[in-house]
Amino acid sequence: MKVLITGSEGFMGKHLMKRFLDAYGMDKKNNKSTSDYELLKMIVELYDPTIIVHLGANCSSQISLREPNLDFIDNVIGTFNICEISRIYNIPVIFNSTMKVYPGEDGIVPPYGVSKQVGENYLKMYHEVYNTNYIINRPSSVYGPLQDGSEDGGWFTWFIDAAVNNKQITLFGDGTQSRDVLYIDDCVDMLVDQIENFDLYKNNDYDWGGGEDNLVSLNELLNKIDYHNTIEAPLLPGDVKKFVTDNTKASSINNWKPKVHWTEGLERTKEWLKSL
C-alpha cells in the first residue's frame, strides 16, 4: 500500500506520517499545495499512490471568517483537484471534513464549513458520476502533542499552552460552550483503520469523536487547569453551544472507540508542552 498524505506538515498529518513511514507527504508549508493541480498531478504520477488521505486544508473557522478567499483556495480548489486525480487515476480518497458543516446556534455555517461541504458534495458527485471511491470524516475537536494550538484553532491544546506559558486567552462567548474532544492517538487509529480496511468504510460519511464521556466545556477545562487569565469576546458566527458526536455509525464498522479520556489527554499534552 502506497499512501499519499496531504497536509503532512499539519497536526494530524505529522502523526499519520509516523504510522506510515514510507508514505509520501505534501503540504502547503513545503510549497506543495493541492490547489496546484499540475504539481499534484506530477507527484501522483511519480509516486503512484494506491490511496490518498486528504488532510490538507485551512482548518480554522476564525481564519475563514477573516480570509474567505484563502479558505476557498485551500479547501474548495484543493479538494476539487483531489477529486479529479481520483477520477483520472482511479485512486480512492479519505477526506477529513468538519463538524462545522452543520449550522451554528444562529443558523450560520461559516466559510470554513461551507468550503468543506462543497468538498463533500464533489466527492459524492464524483462517485455517482465517475464511480470513484471515498470516505468522508467529520471528526470532533482533536487535540494533543504536535498541535499548534492558538486562538485560531485547537482550543483545547491552546488553553493548556496558555496556562503553561502564561498567555492570555480570549473566550469567544461566555465559556459555557462544550465539545466532545478527541485525543490525537484515537483520531489516527481511526484513520489507520480506514486506510487498511477501506472497503469496509467506503462511499459513506462518518461523524466521530470523543463522545459523551469526553464532553467538556471551555470553563470546565479552565477550572481543571486552574487558569483564568481570560478576556471575553462576542461569540463567533456559526458557533454552537454544545456539540457531541454520536459514534454509533463509525464504531459499527470495525469497533473503533476512543481510548484516552480527556483528563488523561490533558496531562499528556501538558507534559509535551512543558518539554518544548
Protein backbone atom coordinates (compact mmCIF):
# COMPACT_ATOMS: atom_id res chain seq x y z
CA MET A 1 0.00 0.00 0.00
CA LYS A 2 1.35 3.40 -1.02
CA VAL A 3 -0.24 6.27 0.89
CA LEU A 4 -0.23 9.90 -0.24
CA ILE A 5 -0.95 12.21 2.70
CA THR A 6 -1.86 15.83 2.00
CA GLY A 7 -1.40 18.27 4.86
CA SER A 8 1.53 16.13 6.00
CA GLU A 9 3.06 19.01 7.99
CA GLY A 10 -0.17 19.65 9.88
CA PHE A 11 -1.22 18.26 13.23
CA MET A 12 -2.94 15.06 12.07
CA GLY A 13 -0.63 14.71 9.10
CA LYS A 14 2.52 14.56 11.21
CA HIS A 15 1.03 11.84 13.41
CA LEU A 16 -0.25 9.83 10.45
CA MET A 17 3.13 10.05 8.69
CA LYS A 18 4.65 8.35 11.75
CA ARG A 19 2.33 5.38 11.22
CA PHE A 20 3.22 5.08 7.51
CA LEU A 21 6.93 5.77 7.32
CA ASP A 22 7.08 5.17 3.54
CA ALA A 23 4.14 7.47 2.80
CA TYR A 24 4.59 10.48 0.54
CA GLY A 25 3.64 13.73 2.21
CA MET A 26 2.73 17.02 0.58
CA ASP A 27 1.86 20.26 2.32
CA LYS A 28 1.38 23.93 1.52
CA LYS A 29 4.07 24.67 4.12
CA ASN A 30 6.54 22.95 1.78
CA ASN A 31 5.14 24.66 -1.33
CA LYS A 32 3.25 21.50 -2.29
CA SER A 33 -0.37 22.60 -2.15
CA THR A 34 -3.24 20.56 -3.58
CA SER A 35 -4.56 23.81 -5.06
CA ASP A 36 -1.69 23.50 -7.58
CA TYR A 37 -3.20 20.90 -9.91
CA GLU A 38 -0.17 20.41 -12.16
CA LEU A 39 2.11 19.86 -9.17
CA LEU A 40 -0.38 17.45 -7.60
CA LYS A 41 -0.64 15.52 -10.85
CA MET A 42 3.14 15.31 -11.17
CA ILE A 43 3.50 13.99 -7.62
CA VAL A 44 0.80 11.37 -8.19
CA GLU A 45 2.43 10.21 -11.43
CA LEU A 46 5.85 9.94 -9.76
CA TYR A 47 4.73 8.30 -6.51
CA ASP A 48 1.82 6.23 -7.88
CA PRO A 49 -0.19 6.04 -4.63
CA THR A 50 -2.84 3.42 -4.00
CA ILE A 51 -4.80 5.72 -1.67
CA ILE A 52 -4.93 9.44 -0.86
CA VAL A 53 -5.62 10.74 2.65
CA HIS A 54 -6.65 14.34 2.09
CA LEU A 55 -5.96 16.28 5.28
CA GLY A 56 -4.57 19.41 3.64
CA ALA A 57 -6.85 22.38 4.33
CA ASN A 58 -7.46 25.53 6.22
CA CYS A 59 -8.89 24.09 9.44
CA SER A 60 -9.87 27.29 11.23
CA SER A 61 -13.27 28.99 11.28
CA GLN A 62 -11.61 32.18 12.51
CA ILE A 63 -9.20 32.29 9.57
CA SER A 64 -12.03 31.53 7.14
CA LEU A 65 -14.04 34.43 8.54
CA ARG A 66 -11.09 36.81 8.13
CA GLU A 67 -9.89 35.50 4.76
CA PRO A 68 -12.66 33.55 2.99
CA ASN A 69 -10.76 33.76 -0.30
CA LEU A 70 -7.81 31.79 1.09
CA ASP A 71 -10.21 29.30 2.65
CA PHE A 72 -11.81 28.78 -0.79
CA ILE A 73 -8.46 28.21 -2.49
CA ASP A 74 -7.20 25.72 0.10
CA ASN A 75 -10.42 23.84 0.72
CA VAL A 76 -12.57 24.04 -2.40
CA ILE A 77 -9.99 24.15 -5.18
CA GLY A 78 -7.66 21.80 -3.32
CA THR A 79 -10.37 19.18 -2.81
CA PHE A 80 -11.73 19.53 -6.33
CA ASN A 81 -8.22 18.78 -7.63
CA ILE A 82 -8.09 15.69 -5.45
CA CYS A 83 -11.41 14.56 -6.96
CA GLU A 84 -10.02 14.99 -10.46
CA ILE A 85 -6.92 12.97 -9.58
CA SER A 86 -9.15 10.28 -8.09
CA ARG A 87 -11.15 10.16 -11.33
CA ILE A 88 -8.21 10.12 -13.72
CA TYR A 89 -6.01 7.65 -11.84
CA ASN A 90 -8.72 5.62 -10.06
CA ILE A 91 -7.32 6.34 -6.58
CA PRO A 92 -9.64 6.15 -3.53
CA VAL A 93 -9.76 9.16 -1.22
CA ILE A 94 -10.18 9.57 2.54
CA PHE A 95 -11.30 13.14 3.19
CA ASN A 96 -11.34 14.94 6.50
CA SER A 97 -14.27 17.33 6.58
CA THR A 98 -15.55 19.06 9.71
CA MET A 99 -18.45 19.32 12.12
CA LYS A 100 -18.67 22.95 11.01
CA VAL A 101 -20.73 21.82 8.01
CA TYR A 102 -23.65 21.85 10.48
CA PRO A 103 -25.23 25.27 11.23
CA GLY A 104 -24.49 27.04 14.50
CA GLU A 105 -26.98 28.29 17.04
CA ASP A 106 -27.51 31.34 14.84
CA GLY A 107 -28.27 29.20 11.79
CA ILE A 108 -24.99 30.23 10.12
CA VAL A 109 -22.48 27.89 8.51
CA PRO A 110 -19.13 29.77 8.46
CA PRO A 111 -16.98 29.90 5.31
CA TYR A 112 -14.88 27.01 6.64
CA GLY A 113 -17.94 24.78 6.93
CA VAL A 114 -19.24 25.83 3.51
CA SER A 115 -15.91 25.10 1.83
CA LYS A 116 -15.75 21.66 3.42
CA GLN A 117 -19.37 20.96 2.46
CA VAL A 118 -18.51 21.79 -1.15
CA GLY A 119 -15.67 19.25 -0.94
CA GLU A 120 -18.05 16.62 0.41
CA ASN A 121 -20.52 17.29 -2.38
CA TYR A 122 -17.85 16.98 -5.05
CA LEU A 123 -16.64 13.66 -3.65
CA LYS A 124 -20.17 12.27 -3.59
CA MET A 125 -20.95 13.58 -7.08
CA TYR A 126 -17.73 12.12 -8.49
CA HIS A 127 -18.68 8.75 -7.01
CA GLU A 128 -22.15 8.89 -8.56
CA VAL A 129 -20.96 10.12 -11.97
CA TYR A 130 -17.46 8.65 -12.31
CA ASN A 131 -17.61 5.71 -9.84
CA THR A 132 -14.71 6.98 -7.73
CA ASN A 133 -14.47 5.79 -4.12
CA TYR A 134 -14.27 7.92 -0.99
CA ILE A 135 -14.64 8.13 2.77
CA ILE A 136 -15.76 11.38 4.39
CA ASN A 137 -14.89 12.02 8.05
CA ARG A 138 -16.17 14.72 10.37
CA PRO A 139 -14.04 14.33 13.50
CA SER A 140 -14.81 16.36 16.60
CA SER A 141 -12.32 18.65 18.36
CA VAL A 142 -9.00 16.80 18.10
CA TYR A 143 -6.14 17.77 20.42
CA GLY A 144 -2.77 16.60 21.68
CA PRO A 145 1.01 16.78 21.19
CA LEU A 146 2.34 18.40 17.99
CA GLN A 147 -0.74 20.61 17.69
CA ASP A 148 -0.10 24.30 17.12
CA GLY A 149 -3.00 25.46 19.27
CA SER A 150 -3.94 29.14 19.11
CA GLU A 151 -6.94 31.44 19.19
CA ASP A 152 -7.44 30.47 15.54
CA GLY A 153 -7.95 26.79 16.32
CA GLY A 154 -7.11 23.82 18.50
CA TRP A 155 -8.74 25.39 21.56
CA PHE A 156 -8.11 22.50 23.97
CA THR A 157 -4.36 22.47 23.30
CA TRP A 158 -4.30 26.28 23.16
CA PHE A 159 -5.77 26.61 26.66
CA ILE A 160 -3.16 24.23 28.08
CA ASP A 161 -0.38 26.06 26.21
CA ALA A 162 -1.62 29.39 27.58
CA ALA A 163 -1.58 28.02 31.13
CA VAL A 164 1.92 26.55 30.76
CA ASN A 165 3.34 29.73 29.20
CA ASN A 166 1.19 32.36 30.94
CA LYS A 167 -0.62 33.70 27.89
CA GLN A 168 -3.96 35.47 27.85
CA ILE A 169 -6.93 33.58 26.43
CA THR A 170 -9.76 35.21 24.52
CA LEU A 171 -13.05 33.48 25.24
CA PHE A 172 -15.45 33.83 22.32
CA GLY A 173 -18.67 33.72 24.31
CA ASP A 174 -19.18 33.03 28.00
CA GLY A 175 -17.20 29.78 28.08
CA THR A 176 -20.17 27.51 28.63
CA GLN A 177 -19.84 26.07 25.11
CA SER A 178 -18.97 22.37 25.23
CA ARG A 179 -17.39 19.93 22.76
CA ASP A 180 -16.58 16.24 22.82
CA VAL A 181 -12.81 16.32 22.47
CA LEU A 182 -10.76 13.52 20.88
CA TYR A 183 -7.14 12.70 21.66
CA ILE A 184 -4.89 12.57 18.60
CA ASP A 185 -3.91 8.90 19.02
CA ASP A 186 -7.56 7.86 18.91
CA CYS A 187 -8.10 10.01 15.83
CA VAL A 188 -5.14 8.48 13.99
CA ASP A 189 -6.26 4.96 14.99
CA MET A 190 -9.46 5.57 13.05
CA LEU A 191 -7.64 6.91 10.00
CA VAL A 192 -5.27 3.94 10.00
CA ASP A 193 -8.18 1.51 10.22
CA GLN A 194 -9.88 3.24 7.30
CA ILE A 195 -6.71 3.07 5.22
CA GLU A 196 -6.14 -0.60 5.96
CA ASN A 197 -9.81 -1.57 5.67
CA PHE A 198 -11.03 0.94 3.11
CA ASP A 199 -13.68 -1.32 1.60
CA LEU A 200 -15.45 -1.63 4.96
CA TYR A 201 -15.95 2.14 5.19
CA LYS A 202 -16.07 3.24 1.56
CA ASN A 203 -18.60 5.58 -0.04
CA ASN A 204 -20.07 6.84 3.19
CA ASP A 205 -19.64 9.71 5.64
CA TYR A 206 -18.94 9.43 9.35
CA ASP A 207 -19.21 11.72 12.37
CA TRP A 208 -16.89 10.54 15.13
CA GLY A 209 -15.21 11.99 18.17
CA GLY A 210 -14.74 11.73 21.90
CA GLY A 211 -18.41 11.06 22.57
CA GLU A 212 -20.40 11.87 25.69
CA ASP A 213 -17.62 10.64 28.01
CA ASN A 214 -15.29 13.30 26.64
CA LEU A 215 -17.69 16.22 26.59
CA VAL A 216 -16.04 19.26 28.22
CA SER A 217 -16.86 22.96 28.27
CA LEU A 218 -14.36 25.78 27.92
CA ASN A 219 -14.98 26.80 31.53
CA GLU A 220 -14.62 23.22 32.75
CA LEU A 221 -11.20 22.93 31.14
CA LEU A 222 -10.11 26.29 32.57
CA ASN A 223 -11.17 25.15 36.03
CA LYS A 224 -9.37 21.83 35.61
CA ILE A 225 -6.07 23.52 34.72
CA ASP A 226 -6.80 26.30 37.27
CA TYR A 227 -6.08 29.09 34.83
CA HIS A 228 -8.26 32.16 34.43
CA ASN A 229 -6.23 34.77 32.56
CA THR A 230 -9.06 35.37 30.10
CA ILE A 231 -10.96 38.13 28.35
CA GLU A 232 -14.39 37.71 26.77
CA ALA A 233 -15.27 38.48 23.16
CA PRO A 234 -18.51 38.05 21.16
CA LEU A 235 -19.47 34.55 20.07
CA LEU A 236 -18.21 33.75 16.58
CA PRO A 237 -20.74 33.37 13.73
CA GLY A 238 -21.73 29.74 13.27
CA ASP A 239 -20.69 28.66 16.77
CA VAL A 240 -22.73 26.10 18.72
CA LYS A 241 -23.49 25.85 22.43
CA LYS A 242 -23.00 22.11 22.69
CA PHE A 243 -21.72 19.56 20.22
CA VAL A 244 -21.25 15.89 20.94
CA THR A 245 -20.84 13.25 18.25
CA ASP A 246 -22.75 10.01 18.01
CA ASN A 247 -20.10 7.38 17.26
CA THR A 248 -22.58 4.57 16.59
CA LYS A 249 -22.17 4.53 12.81
CA ALA A 250 -18.37 4.82 12.83
CA SER A 251 -17.92 2.29 15.63
CA SER A 252 -20.22 -0.26 13.99
CA ILE A 253 -17.79 -0.79 11.10
CA ASN A 254 -14.77 -2.15 12.96
CA ASN A 255 -15.46 -1.44 16.65
CA TRP A 256 -13.41 1.78 16.87
CA LYS A 257 -13.80 3.56 20.20
CA PRO A 258 -11.93 6.43 21.90
CA LYS A 259 -9.49 5.09 24.49
CA VAL A 260 -7.99 8.22 26.04
CA HIS A 261 -10.20 10.22 28.44
CA TRP A 262 -9.82 13.98 28.18
CA THR A 263 -8.30 14.27 31.66
CA GLU A 264 -5.52 11.84 30.69
CA GLY A 265 -5.07 13.51 27.33
CA LEU A 266 -4.78 16.85 29.10
CA GLU A 267 -1.86 15.57 31.17
CA ARG A 268 -0.10 14.07 28.14
CA THR A 269 -0.50 17.32 26.24
CA LYS A 270 0.73 19.38 29.19
CA GLU A 271 3.86 17.26 29.54
CA TRP A 272 4.60 17.66 25.83
CA LEU A 273 4.19 21.44 26.02
CA LYS A 274 6.46 21.63 29.07
CA SER A 275 9.15 19.71 27.18
CA LEU A 276 9.37 22.26 24.37
